[in-house]
Protein backbone atom coordinates (compact mmCIF):
# COMPACT_ATOMS: atom_id res chain seq x y z
CA MET A 1 23.22 -74.61 -86.13
CA ILE A 2 20.17 -76.20 -84.52
CA PRO A 3 17.57 -77.28 -87.10
CA ILE A 4 14.41 -75.16 -86.87
CA GLY A 5 10.95 -76.70 -86.73
CA SER A 6 12.22 -80.08 -85.65
CA ALA A 7 12.46 -82.22 -82.55
CA HIS A 8 16.16 -81.31 -82.45
CA LEU A 9 15.36 -77.83 -81.16
CA LEU A 10 13.14 -79.17 -78.41
CA ASP A 11 15.84 -81.65 -77.44
CA ALA A 12 18.39 -78.83 -77.41
CA LEU A 13 16.32 -76.93 -74.85
CA ARG A 14 17.01 -79.82 -72.45
CA ALA A 15 20.71 -80.20 -73.33
CA ARG A 16 23.30 -80.43 -70.57
CA SER A 17 25.26 -77.48 -72.01
CA SER A 18 23.83 -74.07 -71.14
CA SER A 19 25.27 -72.64 -74.37
CA THR A 20 23.31 -75.21 -76.37
CA ARG A 21 20.12 -74.35 -74.48
CA LEU A 22 20.79 -70.65 -75.06
CA GLU A 23 21.24 -71.26 -78.78
CA ALA A 24 18.01 -73.25 -78.87
CA ALA A 25 16.05 -70.48 -77.16
CA LEU A 26 17.55 -67.92 -79.55
CA ALA A 27 16.59 -70.08 -82.52
CA ALA A 28 13.04 -70.48 -81.21
CA GLY A 29 12.67 -66.71 -80.94
CA THR A 30 14.34 -65.95 -84.24
CA HIS A 31 12.01 -68.34 -86.07
CA PRO A 32 8.94 -68.38 -83.78
CA GLU A 33 6.39 -71.14 -84.16
CA ALA A 34 3.31 -71.77 -82.04
CA ALA A 35 4.43 -75.38 -81.69
CA PHE A 36 7.31 -74.19 -79.46
CA VAL A 37 5.13 -72.53 -76.79
CA THR A 38 4.64 -75.52 -74.52
CA ALA A 39 8.31 -76.50 -74.58
CA LEU A 40 9.48 -72.93 -73.93
CA VAL A 41 7.09 -72.42 -71.02
CA GLN A 42 7.94 -75.78 -69.49
CA ARG A 43 11.65 -75.03 -69.75
CA CYS A 44 11.18 -71.68 -67.99
CA ALA A 45 9.98 -73.57 -64.93
CA VAL A 46 13.19 -75.56 -64.51
CA GLU A 47 15.97 -73.69 -66.33
CA PRO A 48 18.81 -72.96 -63.86
CA ASP A 49 20.74 -70.45 -65.97
CA PHE A 50 19.61 -66.80 -65.77
CA PHE A 51 20.72 -65.93 -69.31
CA VAL A 52 18.92 -68.90 -70.79
CA ARG A 53 15.75 -68.00 -68.86
CA ASP A 54 16.00 -64.46 -70.20
CA MET A 55 16.30 -65.81 -73.75
CA LEU A 56 13.34 -68.13 -73.20
CA THR A 57 11.27 -65.12 -72.15
CA TRP A 58 12.42 -63.21 -75.23
CA ALA A 59 11.44 -66.14 -77.45
CA LEU A 60 7.97 -66.21 -75.90
CA THR A 61 7.52 -62.47 -76.48
CA ARG A 62 8.11 -63.11 -80.16
CA LEU A 63 5.00 -65.27 -80.39
CA PRO A 64 1.39 -64.04 -80.55
CA PRO A 65 -0.10 -63.37 -77.09
CA GLU A 66 -3.09 -65.55 -77.91
CA ASP A 67 -0.66 -68.49 -78.06
CA THR A 68 1.55 -67.64 -75.10
CA VAL A 69 -0.65 -65.95 -72.49
CA PRO A 70 -2.95 -68.93 -71.75
CA ALA A 71 0.06 -71.20 -71.21
CA LEU A 72 1.72 -68.64 -68.93
CA LEU A 73 -1.45 -68.10 -66.91
CA ALA A 74 -1.65 -71.82 -66.27
CA GLU A 75 1.88 -71.67 -64.81
CA LEU A 76 0.74 -69.21 -62.17
CA ARG A 77 -1.03 -72.11 -60.45
CA SER A 78 2.11 -74.26 -60.40
CA ASP A 79 3.52 -75.62 -57.14
CA ARG A 80 6.99 -74.76 -58.47
CA ALA A 81 8.04 -71.24 -57.44
CA GLN A 82 10.26 -70.73 -60.46
CA ALA A 83 7.38 -71.57 -62.79
CA ARG A 84 5.24 -68.88 -61.17
CA SER A 85 8.04 -66.33 -61.05
CA GLN A 86 9.16 -66.78 -64.64
CA ALA A 87 5.60 -66.80 -65.96
CA LEU A 88 4.95 -63.49 -64.18
CA HIS A 89 8.17 -62.05 -65.55
CA THR A 90 7.25 -63.08 -69.08
CA LEU A 91 3.72 -61.71 -68.75
CA SER A 92 5.19 -58.36 -67.70
CA LYS A 93 7.32 -58.35 -70.84
CA ILE A 94 4.39 -59.25 -73.09
CA GLY A 95 2.24 -56.58 -71.46
CA GLU A 96 -1.10 -58.13 -72.42
CA GLY A 97 -3.75 -56.43 -70.30
CA SER A 98 -6.05 -59.44 -70.34
CA ALA A 99 -3.63 -61.13 -67.92
CA TRP A 100 -4.40 -58.60 -65.15
CA PRO A 101 -7.12 -60.63 -63.37
CA ALA A 102 -4.58 -63.42 -62.83
CA ILE A 103 -2.34 -61.14 -60.73
CA THR A 104 -4.01 -62.16 -57.51
CA ARG A 105 -3.47 -61.09 -53.92
CA SER A 106 -1.94 -64.49 -53.20
CA LEU A 107 0.73 -63.89 -55.86
CA LEU A 108 1.42 -60.35 -54.64
CA ARG A 109 1.89 -61.82 -51.15
CA ASP A 110 3.53 -65.08 -52.26
CA ALA A 111 5.73 -66.61 -49.57
CA ASP A 112 8.54 -66.97 -52.13
CA ASP A 113 10.30 -63.62 -52.49
CA GLU A 114 11.16 -64.10 -56.16
CA VAL A 115 7.55 -64.86 -57.02
CA ALA A 116 6.33 -61.83 -55.08
CA ARG A 117 8.91 -59.56 -56.73
CA SER A 118 7.88 -60.78 -60.17
CA ALA A 119 4.22 -60.28 -59.27
CA TRP A 120 4.89 -56.68 -58.17
CA ARG A 121 6.66 -55.89 -61.43
CA ALA A 122 3.94 -57.53 -63.52
CA ALA A 123 1.20 -55.77 -61.58
CA VAL A 124 2.47 -52.24 -62.23
CA VAL A 125 2.78 -53.04 -65.95
CA LEU A 126 -0.66 -54.64 -66.30
CA VAL A 127 -2.81 -52.63 -63.86
CA PRO A 128 -5.80 -51.08 -65.66
CA ALA A 129 -6.39 -47.35 -65.48
CA GLY A 130 -8.36 -46.49 -62.37
CA GLN A 131 -7.09 -49.42 -60.29
CA GLU A 132 -3.70 -47.97 -59.38
CA GLU A 133 -4.80 -46.83 -55.91
CA ALA A 134 -6.13 -50.28 -55.01
CA LEU A 135 -2.90 -51.84 -56.20
CA ALA A 136 -0.84 -49.33 -54.21
CA THR A 137 -2.82 -50.21 -51.08
CA GLU A 138 -2.18 -53.91 -51.63
CA LEU A 139 1.53 -53.39 -52.27
CA GLY A 140 1.70 -51.28 -49.13
CA THR A 141 0.96 -54.37 -47.05
CA GLN A 142 4.40 -55.67 -48.06
CA LEU A 143 6.41 -52.70 -46.81
CA GLY A 144 9.25 -53.84 -44.57
CA ARG A 145 9.33 -57.30 -46.11
CA GLY A 146 12.51 -59.18 -46.88
CA ASP A 147 16.10 -58.22 -47.51
CA ARG A 148 17.49 -55.18 -49.30
CA ASP A 149 16.84 -56.57 -52.80
CA VAL A 150 13.22 -57.42 -51.99
CA GLN A 151 12.60 -54.00 -50.48
CA ARG A 152 14.23 -52.29 -53.45
CA SER A 153 11.91 -54.17 -55.82
CA LEU A 154 8.82 -53.15 -53.87
CA SER A 155 9.94 -49.53 -53.74
CA ARG A 156 10.46 -49.48 -57.49
CA ALA A 157 7.01 -50.93 -58.04
CA LEU A 158 5.41 -48.34 -55.77
CA VAL A 159 7.32 -45.47 -57.38
CA ALA A 160 6.19 -46.68 -60.80
CA LEU A 161 2.58 -46.10 -59.71
CA GLY A 162 3.26 -42.42 -59.09
CA ASP A 163 1.59 -40.04 -56.67
CA VAL A 164 -1.27 -42.43 -55.83
CA VAL A 165 1.10 -44.18 -53.43
CA GLU A 166 1.52 -41.15 -51.15
CA PRO A 167 -1.31 -42.10 -48.71
CA VAL A 168 0.07 -45.63 -48.51
CA LEU A 169 3.51 -44.31 -47.66
CA ARG A 170 2.12 -41.97 -45.01
CA THR A 171 0.38 -44.95 -43.41
CA GLY A 172 3.62 -46.91 -43.55
CA MET A 173 5.58 -44.12 -41.91
CA ALA A 174 3.11 -44.21 -39.01
CA SER A 175 3.54 -47.95 -38.50
CA PRO A 176 4.75 -49.24 -35.13
CA ASP A 177 7.15 -51.52 -37.05
CA PRO A 178 10.50 -49.74 -37.56
CA ALA A 179 11.26 -51.77 -40.71
CA VAL A 180 7.97 -50.68 -42.29
CA ARG A 181 8.56 -47.05 -41.29
CA ALA A 182 12.07 -47.01 -42.76
CA HIS A 183 10.98 -48.70 -45.98
CA ALA A 184 8.05 -46.29 -46.42
CA ARG A 185 10.27 -43.26 -45.74
CA ALA A 186 12.89 -44.50 -48.23
CA THR A 187 10.23 -45.08 -50.87
CA GLU A 188 8.91 -41.54 -50.33
CA VAL A 189 12.38 -40.17 -51.04
CA LEU A 190 12.60 -42.27 -54.20
CA LEU A 191 9.19 -41.02 -55.30
CA ASP A 192 10.55 -37.47 -55.20
CA ASP A 193 13.95 -38.43 -56.64
CA PRO A 194 13.92 -41.72 -58.60
CA GLU A 195 17.66 -41.34 -59.25
CA ALA A 196 18.52 -41.55 -55.55
CA GLY A 197 20.38 -44.69 -54.56
CA PHE A 198 18.20 -47.09 -52.61
CA ASP A 199 20.94 -48.31 -50.28
CA SER A 200 21.85 -44.82 -49.07
CA VAL A 201 18.20 -43.81 -48.84
CA ILE A 202 17.17 -46.80 -46.74
CA GLU A 203 20.15 -46.36 -44.41
CA GLU A 204 19.27 -42.71 -43.91
CA ALA A 205 15.64 -43.65 -43.27
CA LYS A 206 16.71 -46.16 -40.65
CA ARG A 207 19.01 -43.59 -39.01
CA LEU A 208 16.23 -41.01 -38.88
CA GLY A 209 13.88 -43.63 -37.47
CA ALA A 210 16.37 -44.48 -34.76
CA LEU A 211 16.81 -40.83 -33.87
CA GLY A 212 13.06 -40.39 -33.70
CA SER A 213 12.65 -43.31 -31.35
CA GLU A 214 15.36 -41.94 -29.09
CA GLY A 215 13.54 -38.63 -28.91
């Protein structure tokens, strides 16, 4: 058992063993203290293990937003992509609306796919009422981007916004770029049927696009 409220826990977050780091993050969340915020946020930026990162995020959600949100917002300006991505992920889990202004266009278009995906997820959680259409328009600029996982993430974000995305998808389906057209068409199908499988939907959209170009 890692002692709580001591330097031992902070040392354990940097241990070589991932199981020790996981235990430390669990302990920090089980017995949350404001003194742990800096160490938890800093560890998020460099932690290589997915399960430990997930536990670090959980530990941060157990602390008051007034302690965690300022530290996470500062990470959004980091040069380290993982720091930005994990901070965005944690902000989406906390769901504190005051963080919305920090979800900037540069983050939504970040060159790092993982950062952009995290920004899309955070944006749809934090967007204030009345700004959904503007967000949908911004997300629409990313249609056709990246590999299958990236496109799936964007489609899910757009679908989460609801019917306000329909004009954006119509614009995408009129794009001269076949990747944008297929992605927009697939997202439209998912909007009507969120249970549809993305892989089959995107393949069908590409097939229909190819048939259309042949005609």
